[in-house]
Amino acid sequence: MPWIESHTVLLRHRKLKPLAFDLRLKPVYVLGHLHALWHVALEQAEDGDLSHWTDEFIADSACYSGNPQEFVRLLQKHKWLDGRMIHDWLDYAGRYLKAKYATSNPELLKAIKEKHEKAKSDFSPTLVRPPNQHNQPNLTNKAKAGEKTPVPVENPILKNLLKEVYKSGFNIYQLIGKFKREAKKKRLLMFGEDYKIPDEILIEVSQSYLKNKDKIKGESFPWVISAMSKASSAWWVRKQDVDNLKIKIDTGASRGGEIESLQDILKKMLPVKEL
């Protein structure tokens, strides 16, 4: 009888809560959907390769009744799928597959391992390294010293927009990095536990900046913070369908935590009193 490992930390896994947040489900329900998918995969695609499965079949196998395309997209976004390969599949099914094929078919076992190693390599995010400019942090030199630049970018539209904004003289990478550090420090759950500002928001802010940069008086930083505040608030309304623009700050001791508004969070990033 096929079996997989089910690790006790999964319910508290750093990638599960953001997925639950985006699916608008309780984490324990998402845990069930993942296990249902893994069980069917072990029976029908034991190598963890779902490339021959449709989005509808993946969602149905996970017992998920919502939009199949969105479900698969979110599994990929939160790295539960590497493309169509189940992420870290060998962590769950590896012992079973080894017991089944180590002696009877070692070549197949080797092929499965190699397939997953390739998938991990193919779907590792690429870091954007903007060019050096006068009066701007030398992000390329930081990367050479072993420090990552702050923005892993996969969306080609966003990638080009960020480069345009940077080349125009505003270090948007620095702003994004600062926001991420502040969000991580305060356990800001609005954008999930990877603290990554959604591409939709950054695209809107970048387009707005490029359109209005010649009209901005004084420093660009406060203007961009204000634009990010408005874009994030609008995104939050669209996502949650509520008028309350408050963010839940997880204190770590409880799931409730302190409540602060997005506007207040962004104000703390500015050396000024008002946006």
C-alpha atoms as a PDB file:
ATOM      1  CA  MET A   1       0.000   0.000   0.000  1.00  0.00           C
ATOM      2  CA  PRO A   2       1.450   3.421  -0.991  1.00  0.00           C
ATOM      3  CA  TRP A   3       2.208   5.849   1.829  1.00  0.00           C
ATOM      4  CA  ILE A   4       3.808   9.262   2.349  1.00  0.00           C
ATOM      5  CA  GLU A   5       5.412  10.990   5.304  1.00  0.00           C
ATOM      6  CA  SER A   6       3.273  13.633   7.001  1.00  0.00           C
ATOM      7  CA  HIS A   7       5.467  15.923   9.075  1.00  0.00           C
ATOM      8  CA  THR A   8       4.004  17.463  12.223  1.00  0.00           C
ATOM      9  CA  VAL A   9       5.370  20.922  11.363  1.00  0.00           C
ATOM     10  CA  LEU A  10       3.322  21.224   8.163  1.00  0.00           C
ATOM     11  CA  LEU A  11       0.426  23.050   9.805  1.00  0.00           C
ATOM     12  CA  ARG A  12       2.893  25.716  10.954  1.00  0.00           C
ATOM     13  CA  HIS A  13       5.032  25.658   7.823  1.00  0.00           C
ATOM     14  CA  ARG A  14       6.134  29.110   6.653  1.00  0.00           C
ATOM     15  CA  LYS A  15       4.578  28.516   3.188  1.00  0.00           C
ATOM     16  CA  LEU A  16       1.230  27.130   4.337  1.00  0.00           C
ATOM     17  CA  LYS A  17      -0.211  30.253   5.991  1.00  0.00           C
ATOM     18  CA  PRO A  18       0.421  32.517   2.976  1.00  0.00           C
ATOM     19  CA  LEU A  19      -1.226  29.926   0.712  1.00  0.00           C
ATOM     20  CA  ALA A  20      -4.195  29.730   3.090  1.00  0.00           C
ATOM     21  CA  PHE A  21      -4.349  33.533   3.124  1.00  0.00           C
ATOM     22  CA  ASP A  22      -4.508  33.719  -0.684  1.00  0.00           C
ATOM     23  CA  LEU A  23      -7.049  30.887  -0.899  1.00  0.00           C
ATOM     24  CA  ARG A  24      -9.063  32.521   1.918  1.00  0.00           C
ATOM     25  CA  LEU A  25      -9.203  29.224   3.777  1.00  0.00           C
ATOM     26  CA  LYS A  26      -8.177  28.094   7.233  1.00  0.00           C
ATOM     27  CA  PRO A  27      -4.654  26.612   7.260  1.00  0.00           C
ATOM     28  CA  VAL A  28      -5.985  23.265   8.476  1.00  0.00           C
ATOM     29  CA  TYR A  29      -8.224  23.044   5.381  1.00  0.00           C
ATOM     30  CA  VAL A  30      -5.277  23.804   3.100  1.00  0.00           C
ATOM     31  CA  LEU A  31      -3.311  21.095   4.888  1.00  0.00           C
ATOM     32  CA  GLY A  32      -6.078  18.667   3.938  1.00  0.00           C
ATOM     33  CA  HIS A  33      -6.087  19.776   0.294  1.00  0.00           C
ATOM     34  CA  LEU A  34      -2.324  19.263   0.049  1.00  0.00           C
ATOM     35  CA  HIS A  35      -2.490  15.796   1.538  1.00  0.00           C
ATOM     36  CA  ALA A  36      -5.349  14.812  -0.771  1.00  0.00           C
ATOM     37  CA  LEU A  37      -3.267  15.925  -3.773  1.00  0.00           C
ATOM     38  CA  TRP A  38      -0.201  14.059  -2.563  1.00  0.00           C
ATOM     39  CA  HIS A  39      -2.188  10.862  -1.986  1.00  0.00           C
ATOM     40  CA  VAL A  40      -3.594  10.855  -5.518  1.00  0.00           C
ATOM     41  CA  ALA A  41      -0.197  11.768  -6.933  1.00  0.00           C
ATOM     42  CA  LEU A  42       1.459   8.816  -5.219  1.00  0.00           C
ATOM     43  CA  GLU A  43      -1.129   6.505  -6.745  1.00  0.00           C
ATOM     44  CA  GLN A  44      -1.188   7.990 -10.259  1.00  0.00           C
ATOM     45  CA  ALA A  45       2.040   9.995 -10.658  1.00  0.00           C
ATOM     46  CA  GLU A  46       4.440   8.549  -8.114  1.00  0.00           C
ATOM     47  CA  ASP A  47       7.383  10.518  -9.473  1.00  0.00           C
ATOM     48  CA  GLY A  48       5.610  13.750  -8.465  1.00  0.00           C
ATOM     49  CA  ASP A  49       5.486  14.990 -12.063  1.00  0.00           C
ATOM     50  CA  LEU A  50       2.024  16.424 -12.774  1.00  0.00           C
ATOM     51  CA  SER A  51       2.880  17.807 -16.214  1.00  0.00           C
ATOM     52  CA  HIS A  52       0.327  15.495 -17.844  1.00  0.00           C
ATOM     53  CA  TRP A  53      -2.419  16.600 -15.428  1.00  0.00           C
ATOM     54  CA  THR A  54      -4.804  19.423 -16.229  1.00  0.00           C
ATOM     55  CA  ASP A  55      -5.465  22.225 -13.737  1.00  0.00           C
ATOM     56  CA  GLU A  56      -8.936  20.780 -13.250  1.00  0.00           C
ATOM     57  CA  PHE A  57      -7.563  17.342 -12.412  1.00  0.00           C
ATOM     58  CA  ILE A  58      -5.032  18.789  -9.969  1.00  0.00           C
ATOM     59  CA  ALA A  59      -7.764  20.759  -8.182  1.00  0.00           C
ATOM     60  CA  ASP A  60     -10.115  17.766  -8.200  1.00  0.00           C
ATOM     61  CA  SER A  61      -7.381  15.491  -6.821  1.00  0.00           C
ATOM     62  CA  ALA A  62      -6.867  17.997  -4.002  1.00  0.00           C
ATOM     63  CA  CYS A  63     -10.652  18.049  -3.375  1.00  0.00           C
ATOM     64  CA  TYR A  64     -10.577  21.801  -4.042  1.00  0.00           C
ATOM     65  CA  SER A  65     -13.870  23.156  -5.407  1.00  0.00           C
ATOM     66  CA  GLY A  66     -12.731  26.681  -6.306  1.00  0.00           C
ATOM     67  CA  ASN A  67     -11.147  27.986  -9.500  1.00  0.00           C
ATOM     68  CA  PRO A  68      -8.704  25.279 -10.726  1.00  0.00           C
ATOM     69  CA  GLN A  69      -6.404  27.665 -12.597  1.00  0.00           C
ATOM     70  CA  GLU A  70      -6.109  29.985  -9.592  1.00  0.00           C
ATOM     71  CA  PHE A  71      -5.481  27.025  -7.294  1.00  0.00           C
ATOM     72  CA  VAL A  72      -2.583  25.770  -9.423  1.00  0.00           C
ATOM     73  CA  ARG A  73      -1.202  29.299  -9.815  1.00  0.00           C
ATOM     74  CA  LEU A  74      -1.140  29.772  -6.047  1.00  0.00           C
ATOM     75  CA  LEU A  75       0.493  26.381  -5.488  1.00  0.00           C
ATOM     76  CA  GLN A  76       3.221  27.531  -7.859  1.00  0.00           C
ATOM     77  CA  LYS A  77       3.433  31.012  -6.340  1.00  0.00           C
ATOM     78  CA  HIS A  78       3.983  29.632  -2.848  1.00  0.00           C
ATOM     79  CA  LYS A  79       6.376  26.936  -4.067  1.00  0.00           C
ATOM     80  CA  TRP A  80       4.248  23.888  -3.381  1.00  0.00           C
ATOM     81  CA  LEU A  81       4.675  23.177  -7.092  1.00  0.00           C
ATOM     82  CA  ASP A  82       7.825  23.749  -9.139  1.00  0.00           C
ATOM     83  CA  GLY A  83       6.086  24.290 -12.443  1.00  0.00           C
ATOM     84  CA  ARG A  84       4.122  21.027 -12.557  1.00  0.00           C
ATOM     85  CA  MET A  85       6.438  19.121 -10.242  1.00  0.00           C
ATOM     86  CA  ILE A  86       5.483  18.666  -6.596  1.00  0.00           C
ATOM     87  CA  HIS A  87       8.031  20.658  -4.596  1.00  0.00           C
ATOM     88  CA  ASP A  88      10.228  18.575  -2.270  1.00  0.00           C
ATOM     89  CA  TRP A  89       8.277  15.485  -3.289  1.00  0.00           C
ATOM     90  CA  LEU A  90      11.067  13.192  -2.166  1.00  0.00           C
ATOM     91  CA  ASP A  91      10.778  14.582   1.374  1.00  0.00           C
ATOM     92  CA  TYR A  92       7.314  13.026   1.536  1.00  0.00           C
ATOM     93  CA  ALA A  93       7.447  10.067  -0.846  1.00  0.00           C
ATOM     94  CA  GLY A  94      11.202   9.436  -0.958  1.00  0.00           C
ATOM     95  CA  ARG A  95      11.339   6.664   1.641  1.00  0.00           C
ATOM     96  CA  TYR A  96       8.433   4.824  -0.004  1.00  0.00           C
ATOM     97  CA  LEU A  97       9.984   5.117  -3.479  1.00  0.00           C
ATOM     98  CA  LYS A  98      13.390   4.020  -2.190  1.00  0.00           C
ATOM     99  CA  ALA A  99      11.893   0.955  -0.522  1.00  0.00           C
ATOM    100  CA  LYS A 100      10.017   0.152  -3.730  1.00  0.00           C
ATOM    101  CA  TYR A 101      12.754   0.701  -6.316  1.00  0.00           C
ATOM    102  CA  ALA A 102      16.201   0.698  -4.626  1.00  0.00           C
ATOM    103  CA  THR A 103      16.677  -2.958  -5.512  1.00  0.00           C
ATOM    104  CA  SER A 104      14.107  -3.670  -8.201  1.00  0.00           C
ATOM    105  CA  ASN A 105      14.646  -0.567 -10.361  1.00  0.00           C
ATOM    106  CA  PRO A 106      17.482   1.689  -9.145  1.00  0.00           C
ATOM    107  CA  GLU A 107      17.700   3.456 -12.522  1.00  0.00           C
ATOM    108  CA  LEU A 108      14.095   4.637 -12.187  1.00  0.00           C
ATOM    109  CA  LEU A 109      14.786   5.888  -8.670  1.00  0.00           C
ATOM    110  CA  LYS A 110      17.841   7.780  -9.959  1.00  0.00           C
ATOM    111  CA  ALA A 111      15.787   9.281 -12.806  1.00  0.00           C
ATOM    112  CA  ILE A 112      13.123  10.527 -10.375  1.00  0.00           C
ATOM    113  CA  LYS A 113      15.758  12.190  -8.188  1.00  0.00           C
ATOM    114  CA  GLU A 114      17.386  13.857 -11.184  1.00  0.00           C
ATOM    115  CA  LYS A 115      14.034  15.110 -12.450  1.00  0.00           C
ATOM    116  CA  HIS A 116      13.341  16.866  -9.152  1.00  0.00           C
ATOM    117  CA  GLU A 117      16.835  18.339  -8.930  1.00  0.00           C
ATOM    118  CA  LYS A 118      16.352  19.824 -12.400  1.00  0.00           C
ATOM    119  CA  ALA A 119      12.920  21.214 -11.490  1.00  0.00           C
ATOM    120  CA  LYS A 120      14.352  22.947  -8.414  1.00  0.00           C
ATOM    121  CA  SER A 121      17.112  24.463 -10.516  1.00  0.00           C
ATOM    122  CA  ASP A 122      14.751  25.606 -13.277  1.00  0.00           C
ATOM    123  CA  PHE A 123      12.335  27.320 -10.916  1.00  0.00           C
ATOM    124  CA  SER A 124      14.786  29.092  -8.619  1.00  0.00           C
ATOM    125  CA  PRO A 125      14.031  32.857  -8.738  1.00  0.00           C
ATOM    126  CA  THR A 126      16.475  35.159 -10.493  1.00  0.00           C
ATOM    127  CA  LEU A 127      17.698  38.169  -8.545  1.00  0.00           C
ATOM    128  CA  VAL A 128      17.583  41.526 -10.269  1.00  0.00           C
ATOM    129  CA  ARG A 129      20.890  43.387 -10.053  1.00  0.00           C
ATOM    130  CA  PRO A 130      20.384  47.008 -11.097  1.00  0.00           C
ATOM    131  CA  PRO A 131      23.289  49.040 -12.526  1.00  0.00           C
ATOM    132  CA  ASN A 132      25.406  51.302 -10.314  1.00  0.00           C
ATOM    133  CA  GLN A 133      24.550  54.998 -10.223  1.00  0.00           C
ATOM    134  CA  HIS A 134      25.866  58.081  -8.495  1.00  0.00           C
ATOM    135  CA  ASN A 135      24.321  58.659  -5.045  1.00  0.00           C
ATOM    136  CA  GLN A 136      22.703  55.206  -5.109  1.00  0.00           C
ATOM    137  CA  PRO A 137      23.654  52.102  -3.071  1.00  0.00           C
ATOM    138  CA  ASN A 138      25.987  49.805  -5.002  1.00  0.00           C
ATOM    139  CA  LEU A 139      23.709  46.764  -5.098  1.00  0.00           C
ATOM    140  CA  THR A 140      25.937  44.888  -7.534  1.00  0.00           C
ATOM    141  CA  ASN A 141      28.940  45.181  -5.207  1.00  0.00           C
ATOM    142  CA  LYS A 142      26.782  44.050  -2.281  1.00  0.00           C
ATOM    143  CA  ALA A 143      25.825  40.934  -4.228  1.00  0.00           C
ATOM    144  CA  LYS A 144      29.491  40.204  -4.884  1.00  0.00           C
ATOM    145  CA  ALA A 145      30.130  40.467  -1.147  1.00  0.00           C
ATOM    146  CA  GLY A 146      27.519  37.791  -0.531  1.00  0.00           C
ATOM    147  CA  GLU A 147      24.532  40.056   0.136  1.00  0.00           C
ATOM    148  CA  LYS A 148      21.453  39.464  -1.990  1.00  0.00           C
ATOM    149  CA  THR A 149      19.709  42.314  -3.741  1.00  0.00           C
ATOM    150  CA  PRO A 150      16.261  42.841  -2.172  1.00  0.00           C
ATOM    151  CA  VAL A 151      13.951  41.945  -5.051  1.00  0.00           C
ATOM    152  CA  PRO A 152      13.618  38.477  -6.615  1.00  0.00           C
ATOM    153  CA  VAL A 153      11.592  39.177  -9.784  1.00  0.00           C
ATOM    154  CA  GLU A 154       9.961  36.590 -12.039  1.00  0.00           C
ATOM    155  CA  ASN A 155       7.311  38.737 -13.786  1.00  0.00           C
ATOM    156  CA  PRO A 156       8.971  40.087 -16.977  1.00  0.00           C
ATOM    157  CA  ILE A 157       6.665  43.143 -17.126  1.00  0.00           C
ATOM    158  CA  LEU A 158       7.501  44.112 -13.549  1.00  0.00           C
ATOM    159  CA  LYS A 159      11.180  43.352 -14.081  1.00  0.00           C
ATOM    160  CA  ASN A 160      11.382  45.854 -16.959  1.00  0.00           C
ATOM    161  CA  LEU A 161       9.370  48.488 -15.087  1.00  0.00           C
ATOM    162  CA  LEU A 162      11.619  48.314 -12.017  1.00  0.00           C
ATOM    163  CA  LYS A 163      14.669  48.717 -14.236  1.00  0.00           C
ATOM    164  CA  GLU A 164      13.096  51.773 -15.895  1.00  0.00           C
ATOM    165  CA  VAL A 165      12.290  53.358 -12.534  1.00  0.00           C
ATOM    166  CA  TYR A 166      15.831  52.692 -11.293  1.00  0.00           C
ATOM    167  CA  LYS A 167      17.443  54.086 -14.439  1.00  0.00           C
ATOM    168  CA  SER A 168      15.306  57.238 -14.096  1.00  0.00           C
ATOM    169  CA  GLY A 169      17.115  58.011 -10.843  1.00  0.00           C
ATOM    170  CA  PHE A 170      14.898  56.511  -8.112  1.00  0.00           C
ATOM    171  CA  ASN A 171      16.150  53.455  -6.217  1.00  0.00           C
ATOM    172  CA  ILE A 172      12.903  51.514  -5.976  1.00  0.00           C
ATOM    173  CA  TYR A 173      14.853  48.388  -5.012  1.00  0.00           C
ATOM    174  CA  GLN A 174      15.965  50.116  -1.831  1.00  0.00           C
ATOM    175  CA  LEU A 175      12.371  51.081  -1.002  1.00  0.00           C
ATOM    176  CA  ILE A 176      11.100  47.532  -1.548  1.00  0.00           C
ATOM    177  CA  GLY A 177      13.904  46.128   0.571  1.00  0.00           C
ATOM    178  CA  LYS A 178      13.169  48.583   3.368  1.00  0.00           C
ATOM    179  CA  PHE A 179       9.470  47.748   3.303  1.00  0.00           C
ATOM    180  CA  LYS A 180      10.222  44.029   3.418  1.00  0.00           C
ATOM    181  CA  ARG A 181      12.531  44.443   6.411  1.00  0.00           C
ATOM    182  CA  GLU A 182       9.904  46.491   8.259  1.00  0.00           C
ATOM    183  CA  ALA A 183       7.177  43.977   7.415  1.00  0.00           C
ATOM    184  CA  LYS A 184       9.326  41.064   8.577  1.00  0.00           C
ATOM    185  CA  LYS A 185      10.211  42.828  11.817  1.00  0.00           C
ATOM    186  CA  LYS A 186       6.533  43.421  12.616  1.00  0.00           C
ATOM    187  CA  ARG A 187       5.284  40.067  11.248  1.00  0.00           C
ATOM    188  CA  LEU A 188       3.024  41.904   8.804  1.00  0.00           C
ATOM    189  CA  LEU A 189       0.707  39.283   7.309  1.00  0.00           C
ATOM    190  CA  MET A 190      -1.033  41.384   4.671  1.00  0.00           C
ATOM    191  CA  PHE A 191       1.164  40.023   1.887  1.00  0.00           C
ATOM    192  CA  GLY A 192       1.860  36.601   3.396  1.00  0.00           C
ATOM    193  CA  GLU A 193       4.844  35.302   5.313  1.00  0.00           C
ATOM    194  CA  ASP A 194       7.308  35.933   2.484  1.00  0.00           C
ATOM    195  CA  TYR A 195       6.542  39.676   2.909  1.00  0.00           C
ATOM    196  CA  LYS A 196       6.607  40.087  -0.867  1.00  0.00           C
ATOM    197  CA  ILE A 197       4.671  43.061  -2.205  1.00  0.00           C
ATOM    198  CA  PRO A 198       2.330  41.689  -4.911  1.00  0.00           C
ATOM    199  CA  ASP A 199       3.450  42.302  -8.494  1.00  0.00           C
ATOM    200  CA  GLU A 200       0.127  44.020  -9.186  1.00  0.00           C
ATOM    201  CA  ILE A 201       0.943  46.776  -6.652  1.00  0.00           C
ATOM    202  CA  LEU A 202       4.531  47.295  -7.802  1.00  0.00           C
ATOM    203  CA  ILE A 203       3.444  47.465 -11.450  1.00  0.00           C
ATOM    204  CA  GLU A 204       0.833  50.107 -10.619  1.00  0.00           C
ATOM    205  CA  VAL A 205       3.283  52.166  -8.523  1.00  0.00           C
ATOM    206  CA  SER A 206       6.069  51.914 -11.123  1.00  0.00           C
ATOM    207  CA  GLN A 207       3.777  52.941 -13.991  1.00  0.00           C
ATOM    208  CA  SER A 208       2.434  55.848 -11.963  1.00  0.00           C
ATOM    209  CA  TYR A 209       5.940  57.028 -11.051  1.00  0.00           C
ATOM    210  CA  LEU A 210       7.195  56.895 -14.640  1.00  0.00           C
ATOM    211  CA  LYS A 211       4.138  58.840 -15.782  1.00  0.00           C
ATOM    212  CA  ASN A 212       4.417  61.541 -13.085  1.00  0.00           C
ATOM    213  CA  LYS A 213       8.142  61.701 -12.258  1.00  0.00           C
ATOM    214  CA  ASP A 214       8.636  65.050 -14.024  1.00  0.00           C
ATOM    215  CA  LYS A 215       5.811  66.581 -11.954  1.00  0.00           C
ATOM    216  CA  ILE A 216       7.074  65.384  -8.555  1.00  0.00           C
ATOM    217  CA  LYS A 217       8.314  68.286  -6.425  1.00  0.00           C
ATOM    218  CA  GLY A 218      11.077  67.612  -3.929  1.00  0.00           C
ATOM    219  CA  GLU A 219      12.159  64.113  -2.932  1.00  0.00           C
ATOM    220  CA  SER A 220      10.658  61.153  -4.794  1.00  0.00           C
ATOM    221  CA  PHE A 221      10.673  58.817  -1.776  1.00  0.00           C
ATOM    222  CA  PRO A 222       7.599  60.324  -0.002  1.00  0.00           C
ATOM    223  CA  TRP A 223       5.679  60.447  -3.283  1.00  0.00           C
ATOM    224  CA  VAL A 224       6.355  56.763  -4.018  1.00  0.00           C
ATOM    225  CA  ILE A 225       5.458  55.768  -0.437  1.00  0.00           C
ATOM    226  CA  SER A 226       2.142  57.594  -0.823  1.00  0.00           C
ATOM    227  CA  ALA A 227       1.511  55.902  -4.177  1.00  0.00           C
ATOM    228  CA  MET A 228       2.314  52.522  -2.637  1.00  0.00           C
ATOM    229  CA  SER A 229      -0.076  53.220   0.219  1.00  0.00           C
ATOM    230  CA  LYS A 230      -2.921  53.986  -2.181  1.00  0.00           C
ATOM    231  CA  ALA A 231      -2.182  51.039  -4.460  1.00  0.00           C
ATOM    232  CA  SER A 232      -1.867  48.618  -1.510  1.00  0.00           C
ATOM    233  CA  SER A 233      -5.109  49.845   0.036  1.00  0.00           C
ATOM    234  CA  ALA A 234      -6.961  49.421  -3.256  1.00  0.00           C
ATOM    235  CA  TRP A 235      -5.463  45.942  -3.666  1.00  0.00           C
ATOM    236  CA  TRP A 236      -6.539  45.007  -0.129  1.00  0.00           C
ATOM    237  CA  VAL A 237     -10.136  46.082  -0.822  1.00  0.00           C
ATOM    238  CA  ARG A 238     -10.245  44.097  -4.051  1.00  0.00           C
ATOM    239  CA  LYS A 239      -8.787  41.035  -2.352  1.00  0.00           C
ATOM    240  CA  GLN A 240     -10.821  41.035   0.826  1.00  0.00           C
ATOM    241  CA  ASP A 241     -14.003  42.813  -0.335  1.00  0.00           C
ATOM    242  CA  VAL A 242     -14.146  44.845   2.864  1.00  0.00           C
ATOM    243  CA  ASP A 243     -13.752  48.532   3.723  1.00  0.00           C
ATOM    244  CA  ASN A 244     -11.522  47.989   6.743  1.00  0.00           C
ATOM    245  CA  LEU A 245      -7.970  48.570   5.591  1.00  0.00           C
ATOM    246  CA  LYS A 246      -6.384  47.290   8.800  1.00  0.00           C
ATOM    247  CA  ILE A 247      -3.568  44.739   8.787  1.00  0.00           C
ATOM    248  CA  LYS A 248      -3.245  41.963  11.319  1.00  0.00           C
ATOM    249  CA  ILE A 249       0.178  41.983  12.978  1.00  0.00           C
ATOM    250  CA  ASP A 250       1.002  38.537  14.351  1.00  0.00           C
ATOM    251  CA  THR A 251       2.834  38.943  17.654  1.00  0.00           C
ATOM    252  CA  GLY A 252       4.014  35.344  17.548  1.00  0.00           C
ATOM    253  CA  ALA A 253       2.282  34.606  20.839  1.00  0.00           C
ATOM    254  CA  SER A 254      -1.210  34.629  19.394  1.00  0.00           C
ATOM    255  CA  ARG A 255      -2.857  34.596  16.012  1.00  0.00           C
ATOM    256  CA  GLY A 256      -4.754  37.800  16.770  1.00  0.00           C
ATOM    257  CA  GLY A 257      -1.993  40.252  17.500  1.00  0.00           C
ATOM    258  CA  GLU A 258      -1.914  44.002  17.257  1.00  0.00           C
ATOM    259  CA  ILE A 259      -3.877  45.864  14.557  1.00  0.00           C
ATOM    260  CA  GLU A 260      -2.219  48.685  12.647  1.00  0.00           C
ATOM    261  CA  SER A 261      -3.289  50.441   9.463  1.00  0.00           C
ATOM    262  CA  LEU A 262      -1.297  50.238   6.284  1.00  0.00           C
ATOM    263  CA  GLN A 263      -0.931  54.013   6.306  1.00  0.00           C
ATOM    264  CA  ASP A 264       0.732  53.924   9.730  1.00  0.00           C
ATOM    265  CA  ILE A 265       3.129  51.167   8.654  1.00  0.00           C
ATOM    266  CA  LEU A 266       4.251  53.163   5.623  1.00  0.00           C
ATOM    267  CA  LYS A 267       4.549  56.407   7.622  1.00  0.00           C
ATOM    268  CA  LYS A 268       7.098  54.710   9.859  1.00  0.00           C
ATOM    269  CA  MET A 269       9.324  54.298   6.813  1.00  0.00           C
ATOM    270  CA  LEU A 270       9.437  58.036   6.229  1.00  0.00           C
ATOM    271  CA  PRO A 271      11.542  60.650   8.011  1.00  0.00           C
ATOM    272  CA  VAL A 272       8.561  63.027   7.781  1.00  0.00           C
ATOM    273  CA  LYS A 273       5.381  63.499   9.801  1.00  0.00           C
ATOM    274  CA  GLU A 274       2.845  63.265   6.998  1.00  0.00           C
ATOM    275  CA  LEU A 275       2.701  61.444   3.687  1.00  0.00           C
END
